[in-house]
Amino acid sequence: MVYPARCTLCGAVVDSDFGLCGPCWRDTPFISGLVCETCGVPLPGEGHAEAAHCDDCLRMARPWSQGRAAIRYHENGRKLILMLKHGDRHDLVRPAAKWMARAAQPLLRPDTLIAPIPLHWGRMLSRRFNQSALLAQGLARETGLPCCPDLLTRFKRTQSLKGLSVEARHAMLTDAIRVTARHRGLIAGRSVLIVDDVMTSGATLSVATQACFSAGSGEVSVVTLARAVKDA
């Protein structure tokens, strides 16, 4: 009665904590149905026996095996990401982790190790937290799988990737991410699930995946809270 449960997005009174009201749930672009097996982008049509792939993943080889995302980076989806990333809304992690766990179900293996995309220490000082690490830890709680928040280290501070071409993004990130030396034995031959907040071109996830392979990991998959989708 004193502190009623509120909608995570709009603040309207709801039945339980960490939920969305009816209108916000309706207007949040959750990804469901047929999706690209590699990046999780929604595809037209219905599911079938063979794995489907989007045009981008057919044109550009991805180093990871499978990928999923919970929501589209659009309208309420974009609002949720910005609230988490720049609004210190850590309460969003709990519902986001539930949505990501549901999306990532086909990717999970009994020996999977969950690891977030890292921030460079300079950016970490200014932001004070890594939203991808918060999501990875939330996902670990939801799935019961282990999480290593510092499995990967960002050795090179890069400028914002916003507005850069796919080729420029990959060039900018070359050798920027590596497996932390003391954790190399942890991933030898082991499945890894890399977590990030948003996938746009996939350049950051590609570099992180290649870092895992260089350290001797097994299969690598990726999951993000949101997936940027090109306008039709």
C-alpha atoms as a PDB file:
ATOM      1  CA  MET A   1       0.000   0.000   0.000  1.00  0.00           C
ATOM      2  CA  VAL A   2       2.863   2.394   0.811  1.00  0.00           C
ATOM      3  CA  TYR A   3       5.010   1.476  -2.202  1.00  0.00           C
ATOM      4  CA  PRO A   4       2.729  -0.074  -4.848  1.00  0.00           C
ATOM      5  CA  ALA A   5       4.301  -1.964  -7.746  1.00  0.00           C
ATOM      6  CA  ARG A   6       4.881   0.302 -10.729  1.00  0.00           C
ATOM      7  CA  CYS A   7       5.289  -0.313 -14.440  1.00  0.00           C
ATOM      8  CA  THR A   8       8.991  -0.421 -15.283  1.00  0.00           C
ATOM      9  CA  LEU A   9       8.475   1.931 -18.213  1.00  0.00           C
ATOM     10  CA  CYS A  10       5.684   4.400 -17.465  1.00  0.00           C
ATOM     11  CA  GLY A  11       5.268   4.162 -13.684  1.00  0.00           C
ATOM     12  CA  ALA A  12       1.619   3.121 -13.743  1.00  0.00           C
ATOM     13  CA  VAL A  13       0.456   0.865 -10.891  1.00  0.00           C
ATOM     14  CA  VAL A  14       0.730  -2.837 -11.803  1.00  0.00           C
ATOM     15  CA  ASP A  15       0.081  -6.153 -10.059  1.00  0.00           C
ATOM     16  CA  SER A  16       3.709  -7.140  -9.400  1.00  0.00           C
ATOM     17  CA  ASP A  17       7.152  -5.575  -9.199  1.00  0.00           C
ATOM     18  CA  PHE A  18       9.456  -5.431 -12.222  1.00  0.00           C
ATOM     19  CA  GLY A  19       6.631  -5.759 -14.714  1.00  0.00           C
ATOM     20  CA  LEU A  20       5.044  -3.748 -17.501  1.00  0.00           C
ATOM     21  CA  CYS A  21       1.501  -2.414 -17.605  1.00  0.00           C
ATOM     22  CA  GLY A  22      -0.805  -3.658 -20.357  1.00  0.00           C
ATOM     23  CA  PRO A  23      -0.249  -0.757 -22.781  1.00  0.00           C
ATOM     24  CA  CYS A  24       3.553  -0.783 -22.313  1.00  0.00           C
ATOM     25  CA  TRP A  25       3.687  -4.543 -22.781  1.00  0.00           C
ATOM     26  CA  ARG A  26       1.636  -4.218 -25.959  1.00  0.00           C
ATOM     27  CA  ASP A  27       3.895  -1.459 -27.305  1.00  0.00           C
ATOM     28  CA  THR A  28       7.206  -3.152 -26.443  1.00  0.00           C
ATOM     29  CA  PRO A  29       8.586  -4.869 -29.582  1.00  0.00           C
ATOM     30  CA  PHE A  30       9.349  -8.337 -28.230  1.00  0.00           C
ATOM     31  CA  ILE A  31      10.897 -10.692 -30.777  1.00  0.00           C
ATOM     32  CA  SER A  32       8.990 -13.915 -31.360  1.00  0.00           C
ATOM     33  CA  GLY A  33       8.228 -16.334 -34.162  1.00  0.00           C
ATOM     34  CA  LEU A  34      10.726 -17.003 -36.939  1.00  0.00           C
ATOM     35  CA  VAL A  35      14.141 -15.409 -36.324  1.00  0.00           C
ATOM     36  CA  CYS A  36      17.573 -15.502 -37.923  1.00  0.00           C
ATOM     37  CA  GLU A  37      19.454 -18.400 -36.351  1.00  0.00           C
ATOM     38  CA  THR A  38      22.675 -16.376 -36.256  1.00  0.00           C
ATOM     39  CA  CYS A  39      21.697 -12.904 -35.062  1.00  0.00           C
ATOM     40  CA  GLY A  40      18.130 -13.232 -33.758  1.00  0.00           C
ATOM     41  CA  VAL A  41      16.555 -10.623 -36.008  1.00  0.00           C
ATOM     42  CA  PRO A  42      12.846 -11.333 -36.681  1.00  0.00           C
ATOM     43  CA  LEU A  43      12.072 -12.754 -40.117  1.00  0.00           C
ATOM     44  CA  PRO A  44       8.830 -12.913 -42.113  1.00  0.00           C
ATOM     45  CA  GLY A  45       7.070 -16.253 -42.397  1.00  0.00           C
ATOM     46  CA  GLU A  46       6.683 -19.199 -40.081  1.00  0.00           C
ATOM     47  CA  GLY A  47       9.182 -21.541 -38.499  1.00  0.00           C
ATOM     48  CA  HIS A  48      10.404 -24.600 -40.400  1.00  0.00           C
ATOM     49  CA  ALA A  49      12.819 -27.472 -39.910  1.00  0.00           C
ATOM     50  CA  GLU A  50      15.850 -25.763 -41.447  1.00  0.00           C
ATOM     51  CA  ALA A  51      17.541 -22.845 -39.711  1.00  0.00           C
ATOM     52  CA  ALA A  52      16.674 -19.500 -41.307  1.00  0.00           C
ATOM     53  CA  HIS A  53      19.149 -16.671 -41.829  1.00  0.00           C
ATOM     54  CA  CYS A  54      18.729 -12.972 -42.558  1.00  0.00           C
ATOM     55  CA  ASP A  55      20.310 -11.272 -45.581  1.00  0.00           C
ATOM     56  CA  ASP A  56      23.075  -9.706 -43.473  1.00  0.00           C
ATOM     57  CA  CYS A  57      24.141 -13.055 -42.014  1.00  0.00           C
ATOM     58  CA  LEU A  58      24.044 -14.698 -45.455  1.00  0.00           C
ATOM     59  CA  ARG A  59      26.226 -11.922 -46.844  1.00  0.00           C
ATOM     60  CA  MET A  60      28.629 -11.599 -43.898  1.00  0.00           C
ATOM     61  CA  ALA A  61      30.044 -14.622 -42.097  1.00  0.00           C
ATOM     62  CA  ARG A  62      29.583 -14.448 -38.311  1.00  0.00           C
ATOM     63  CA  PRO A  63      32.223 -16.162 -36.150  1.00  0.00           C
ATOM     64  CA  TRP A  64      29.697 -17.281 -33.519  1.00  0.00           C
ATOM     65  CA  SER A  65      27.344 -20.250 -33.976  1.00  0.00           C
ATOM     66  CA  GLN A  66      23.911 -18.966 -32.889  1.00  0.00           C
ATOM     67  CA  GLY A  67      22.432 -15.693 -31.694  1.00  0.00           C
ATOM     68  CA  ARG A  68      19.221 -14.397 -30.157  1.00  0.00           C
ATOM     69  CA  ALA A  69      17.732 -11.121 -28.911  1.00  0.00           C
ATOM     70  CA  ALA A  70      14.732 -10.392 -26.707  1.00  0.00           C
ATOM     71  CA  ILE A  71      13.370  -7.155 -28.205  1.00  0.00           C
ATOM     72  CA  ARG A  72      13.843  -4.906 -31.208  1.00  0.00           C
ATOM     73  CA  TYR A  73      15.818  -1.709 -30.667  1.00  0.00           C
ATOM     74  CA  HIS A  74      12.834   0.460 -31.526  1.00  0.00           C
ATOM     75  CA  GLU A  75      10.443   2.719 -29.586  1.00  0.00           C
ATOM     76  CA  ASN A  76       9.932   1.093 -26.155  1.00  0.00           C
ATOM     77  CA  GLY A  77      12.853  -1.244 -26.840  1.00  0.00           C
ATOM     78  CA  ARG A  78      15.166   1.700 -27.421  1.00  0.00           C
ATOM     79  CA  LYS A  79      13.716   3.491 -24.401  1.00  0.00           C
ATOM     80  CA  LEU A  80      14.494   0.516 -22.148  1.00  0.00           C
ATOM     81  CA  ILE A  81      18.103   0.358 -23.344  1.00  0.00           C
ATOM     82  CA  LEU A  82      18.689   4.088 -22.787  1.00  0.00           C
ATOM     83  CA  MET A  83      17.085   3.947 -19.332  1.00  0.00           C
ATOM     84  CA  LEU A  84      19.417   1.106 -18.345  1.00  0.00           C
ATOM     85  CA  LYS A  85      22.541   2.494 -19.991  1.00  0.00           C
ATOM     86  CA  HIS A  86      22.287   6.179 -19.191  1.00  0.00           C
ATOM     87  CA  GLY A  87      19.513   6.480 -16.605  1.00  0.00           C
ATOM     88  CA  ASP A  88      20.969   4.242 -13.866  1.00  0.00           C
ATOM     89  CA  ARG A  89      17.800   2.135 -13.995  1.00  0.00           C
ATOM     90  CA  HIS A  90      19.329  -1.055 -12.625  1.00  0.00           C
ATOM     91  CA  ASP A  91      15.843  -2.280 -11.705  1.00  0.00           C
ATOM     92  CA  LEU A  92      15.406  -3.039 -15.412  1.00  0.00           C
ATOM     93  CA  VAL A  93      17.958  -5.847 -15.201  1.00  0.00           C
ATOM     94  CA  ARG A  94      15.566  -8.292 -13.535  1.00  0.00           C
ATOM     95  CA  PRO A  95      12.795  -8.243 -16.181  1.00  0.00           C
ATOM     96  CA  ALA A  96      15.354  -7.907 -18.990  1.00  0.00           C
ATOM     97  CA  ALA A  97      17.169 -11.029 -17.775  1.00  0.00           C
ATOM     98  CA  LYS A  98      13.887 -12.975 -17.819  1.00  0.00           C
ATOM     99  CA  TRP A  99      13.199 -11.897 -21.408  1.00  0.00           C
ATOM    100  CA  MET A 100      16.760 -12.741 -22.461  1.00  0.00           C
ATOM    101  CA  ALA A 101      16.628 -16.150 -20.755  1.00  0.00           C
ATOM    102  CA  ARG A 102      13.503 -16.993 -22.737  1.00  0.00           C
ATOM    103  CA  ALA A 103      15.106 -15.864 -26.006  1.00  0.00           C
ATOM    104  CA  ALA A 104      18.403 -17.659 -25.290  1.00  0.00           C
ATOM    105  CA  GLN A 105      16.866 -21.015 -24.372  1.00  0.00           C
ATOM    106  CA  PRO A 106      17.922 -22.737 -27.639  1.00  0.00           C
ATOM    107  CA  LEU A 107      21.534 -21.635 -27.089  1.00  0.00           C
ATOM    108  CA  LEU A 108      22.079 -22.968 -23.588  1.00  0.00           C
ATOM    109  CA  ARG A 109      24.239 -26.031 -22.886  1.00  0.00           C
ATOM    110  CA  PRO A 110      24.931 -27.641 -19.486  1.00  0.00           C
ATOM    111  CA  ASP A 111      28.551 -26.417 -19.537  1.00  0.00           C
ATOM    112  CA  THR A 112      27.829 -22.928 -20.923  1.00  0.00           C
ATOM    113  CA  LEU A 113      29.789 -20.075 -19.363  1.00  0.00           C
ATOM    114  CA  ILE A 114      28.112 -16.664 -19.554  1.00  0.00           C
ATOM    115  CA  ALA A 115      30.326 -13.624 -20.154  1.00  0.00           C
ATOM    116  CA  PRO A 116      29.554  -9.962 -20.925  1.00  0.00           C
ATOM    117  CA  ILE A 117      31.091  -7.634 -23.482  1.00  0.00           C
ATOM    118  CA  PRO A 118      33.605  -5.626 -21.422  1.00  0.00           C
ATOM    119  CA  LEU A 119      34.040  -1.873 -21.048  1.00  0.00           C
ATOM    120  CA  HIS A 120      37.435  -0.215 -21.209  1.00  0.00           C
ATOM    121  CA  TRP A 121      38.533   0.808 -17.711  1.00  0.00           C
ATOM    122  CA  GLY A 122      38.445   4.494 -18.665  1.00  0.00           C
ATOM    123  CA  ARG A 123      34.826   4.289 -19.746  1.00  0.00           C
ATOM    124  CA  MET A 124      34.026   2.187 -16.690  1.00  0.00           C
ATOM    125  CA  LEU A 125      35.313   4.997 -14.442  1.00  0.00           C
ATOM    126  CA  SER A 126      33.051   7.560 -16.073  1.00  0.00           C
ATOM    127  CA  ARG A 127      29.950   5.331 -16.334  1.00  0.00           C
ATOM    128  CA  ARG A 128      30.503   3.484 -13.002  1.00  0.00           C
ATOM    129  CA  PHE A 129      28.966   0.210 -14.231  1.00  0.00           C
ATOM    130  CA  ASN A 130      28.881  -2.092 -17.217  1.00  0.00           C
ATOM    131  CA  GLN A 131      25.285  -2.647 -18.295  1.00  0.00           C
ATOM    132  CA  SER A 132      26.273  -5.791 -20.218  1.00  0.00           C
ATOM    133  CA  ALA A 133      27.806  -7.277 -17.054  1.00  0.00           C
ATOM    134  CA  LEU A 134      24.605  -6.538 -15.116  1.00  0.00           C
ATOM    135  CA  LEU A 135      22.570  -8.304 -17.805  1.00  0.00           C
ATOM    136  CA  ALA A 136      24.979 -11.273 -17.867  1.00  0.00           C
ATOM    137  CA  GLN A 137      24.744 -11.700 -14.101  1.00  0.00           C
ATOM    138  CA  GLY A 138      20.950 -11.420 -14.247  1.00  0.00           C
ATOM    139  CA  LEU A 139      20.842 -14.023 -17.013  1.00  0.00           C
ATOM    140  CA  ALA A 140      23.043 -16.342 -14.930  1.00  0.00           C
ATOM    141  CA  ARG A 141      20.604 -16.068 -12.027  1.00  0.00           C
ATOM    142  CA  GLU A 142      17.667 -16.874 -14.312  1.00  0.00           C
ATOM    143  CA  THR A 143      19.317 -19.875 -15.971  1.00  0.00           C
ATOM    144  CA  GLY A 144      21.415 -21.248 -13.109  1.00  0.00           C
ATOM    145  CA  LEU A 145      24.505 -21.159 -15.330  1.00  0.00           C
ATOM    146  CA  PRO A 146      27.850 -19.728 -14.174  1.00  0.00           C
ATOM    147  CA  CYS A 147      28.908 -16.206 -15.130  1.00  0.00           C
ATOM    148  CA  CYS A 148      32.425 -14.785 -15.351  1.00  0.00           C
ATOM    149  CA  PRO A 149      31.970 -10.978 -15.447  1.00  0.00           C
ATOM    150  CA  ASP A 150      35.645 -10.315 -16.255  1.00  0.00           C
ATOM    151  CA  LEU A 151      36.272 -13.194 -18.657  1.00  0.00           C
ATOM    152  CA  LEU A 152      36.966 -10.634 -21.386  1.00  0.00           C
ATOM    153  CA  THR A 153      39.039  -7.467 -21.100  1.00  0.00           C
ATOM    154  CA  ARG A 154      38.890  -4.418 -23.361  1.00  0.00           C
ATOM    155  CA  PHE A 155      42.489  -3.362 -23.892  1.00  0.00           C
ATOM    156  CA  LYS A 156      41.874  -0.524 -26.331  1.00  0.00           C
ATOM    157  CA  ARG A 157      39.540   2.387 -25.746  1.00  0.00           C
ATOM    158  CA  THR A 158      37.685   3.056 -28.973  1.00  0.00           C
ATOM    159  CA  GLN A 159      35.602   6.010 -30.034  1.00  0.00           C
ATOM    160  CA  SER A 160      31.853   5.667 -30.413  1.00  0.00           C
ATOM    161  CA  LEU A 161      30.923   3.285 -33.229  1.00  0.00           C
ATOM    162  CA  LYS A 162      27.735   5.190 -33.983  1.00  0.00           C
ATOM    163  CA  GLY A 163      27.527   6.214 -37.619  1.00  0.00           C
ATOM    164  CA  LEU A 164      30.490   4.103 -38.756  1.00  0.00           C
ATOM    165  CA  SER A 165      30.252   1.548 -41.556  1.00  0.00           C
ATOM    166  CA  VAL A 166      30.503  -2.158 -40.776  1.00  0.00           C
ATOM    167  CA  GLU A 167      34.051  -2.219 -42.163  1.00  0.00           C
ATOM    168  CA  ALA A 168      35.078   0.798 -40.069  1.00  0.00           C
ATOM    169  CA  ARG A 169      33.594  -0.756 -36.929  1.00  0.00           C
ATOM    170  CA  HIS A 170      35.578  -3.957 -37.423  1.00  0.00           C
ATOM    171  CA  ALA A 171      38.778  -2.013 -38.129  1.00  0.00           C
ATOM    172  CA  MET A 172      38.272   0.139 -35.034  1.00  0.00           C
ATOM    173  CA  LEU A 173      37.827  -2.921 -32.806  1.00  0.00           C
ATOM    174  CA  THR A 174      40.748  -4.991 -34.089  1.00  0.00           C
ATOM    175  CA  ASP A 175      42.600  -6.497 -31.084  1.00  0.00           C
ATOM    176  CA  ALA A 176      40.484  -4.397 -28.699  1.00  0.00           C
ATOM    177  CA  ILE A 177      39.146  -7.371 -26.711  1.00  0.00           C
ATOM    178  CA  ARG A 178      41.006 -10.368 -25.307  1.00  0.00           C
ATOM    179  CA  VAL A 179      40.367 -13.129 -22.792  1.00  0.00           C
ATOM    180  CA  THR A 180      41.706 -12.129 -19.374  1.00  0.00           C
ATOM    181  CA  ALA A 181      44.924 -14.087 -18.876  1.00  0.00           C
ATOM    182  CA  ARG A 182      43.953 -15.700 -15.579  1.00  0.00           C
ATOM    183  CA  HIS A 183      40.722 -17.054 -17.082  1.00  0.00           C
ATOM    184  CA  ARG A 184      42.171 -18.743 -20.162  1.00  0.00           C
ATOM    185  CA  GLY A 185      42.000 -22.163 -18.506  1.00  0.00           C
ATOM    186  CA  LEU A 186      38.372 -21.572 -17.571  1.00  0.00           C
ATOM    187  CA  ILE A 187      37.117 -21.621 -21.152  1.00  0.00           C
ATOM    188  CA  ALA A 188      39.334 -24.291 -22.691  1.00  0.00           C
ATOM    189  CA  GLY A 189      36.982 -26.370 -24.851  1.00  0.00           C
ATOM    190  CA  ARG A 190      33.948 -24.864 -23.128  1.00  0.00           C
ATOM    191  CA  SER A 191      30.787 -23.336 -24.606  1.00  0.00           C
ATOM    192  CA  VAL A 192      30.557 -19.573 -24.077  1.00  0.00           C
ATOM    193  CA  LEU A 193      27.495 -17.328 -24.272  1.00  0.00           C
ATOM    194  CA  ILE A 194      28.472 -13.685 -24.826  1.00  0.00           C
ATOM    195  CA  VAL A 195      26.010 -11.065 -23.563  1.00  0.00           C
ATOM    196  CA  ASP A 196      25.572  -7.463 -24.730  1.00  0.00           C
ATOM    197  CA  ASP A 197      22.841  -4.855 -24.479  1.00  0.00           C
ATOM    198  CA  VAL A 198      22.373  -4.151 -28.207  1.00  0.00           C
ATOM    199  CA  MET A 199      23.535  -5.732 -31.442  1.00  0.00           C
ATOM    200  CA  THR A 200      23.809  -3.383 -34.402  1.00  0.00           C
ATOM    201  CA  SER A 201      26.441  -4.524 -36.916  1.00  0.00           C
ATOM    202  CA  GLY A 202      27.765  -7.323 -34.720  1.00  0.00           C
ATOM    203  CA  ALA A 203      31.358  -6.021 -34.870  1.00  0.00           C
ATOM    204  CA  THR A 204      31.897  -5.991 -31.091  1.00  0.00           C
ATOM    205  CA  LEU A 205      30.411  -9.453 -30.678  1.00  0.00           C
ATOM    206  CA  SER A 206      32.616 -10.724 -33.527  1.00  0.00           C
ATOM    207  CA  VAL A 207      35.805  -9.457 -31.903  1.00  0.00           C
ATOM    208  CA  ALA A 208      34.779 -10.945 -28.537  1.00  0.00           C
ATOM    209  CA  THR A 209      33.977 -14.285 -30.173  1.00  0.00           C
ATOM    210  CA  GLN A 210      37.325 -14.393 -31.934  1.00  0.00           C
ATOM    211  CA  ALA A 211      39.043 -13.623 -28.624  1.00  0.00           C
ATOM    212  CA  CYS A 212      37.328 -16.658 -27.072  1.00  0.00           C
ATOM    213  CA  PHE A 213      38.395 -18.894 -29.952  1.00  0.00           C
ATOM    214  CA  SER A 214      41.967 -17.617 -29.685  1.00  0.00           C
ATOM    215  CA  ALA A 215      41.954 -18.705 -26.025  1.00  0.00           C
ATOM    216  CA  GLY A 216      40.770 -22.203 -26.953  1.00  0.00           C
ATOM    217  CA  SER A 217      37.049 -22.024 -26.176  1.00  0.00           C
ATOM    218  CA  GLY A 218      34.452 -24.356 -27.597  1.00  0.00           C
ATOM    219  CA  GLU A 219      31.291 -23.166 -29.353  1.00  0.00           C
ATOM    220  CA  VAL A 220      30.423 -19.479 -28.890  1.00  0.00           C
ATOM    221  CA  SER A 221      26.881 -18.075 -29.039  1.00  0.00           C
ATOM    222  CA  VAL A 222      25.571 -14.556 -28.401  1.00  0.00           C
ATOM    223  CA  VAL A 223      22.490 -13.009 -26.851  1.00  0.00           C
ATOM    224  CA  THR A 224      21.495  -9.362 -26.555  1.00  0.00           C
ATOM    225  CA  LEU A 225      18.642  -7.565 -24.895  1.00  0.00           C
ATOM    226  CA  ALA A 226      17.908  -5.678 -28.131  1.00  0.00           C
ATOM    227  CA  ARG A 227      18.583  -6.089 -31.840  1.00  0.00           C
ATOM    228  CA  ALA A 228      18.725  -3.131 -34.189  1.00  0.00           C
ATOM    229  CA  VAL A 229      16.552  -3.860 -37.227  1.00  0.00           C
ATOM    230  CA  LYS A 230      16.741  -2.066 -40.546  1.00  0.00           C
ATOM    231  CA  ASP A 231      13.587  -0.318 -41.683  1.00  0.00           C
ATOM    232  CA  ALA A 232      11.825  -2.183 -44.461  1.00  0.00           C
END
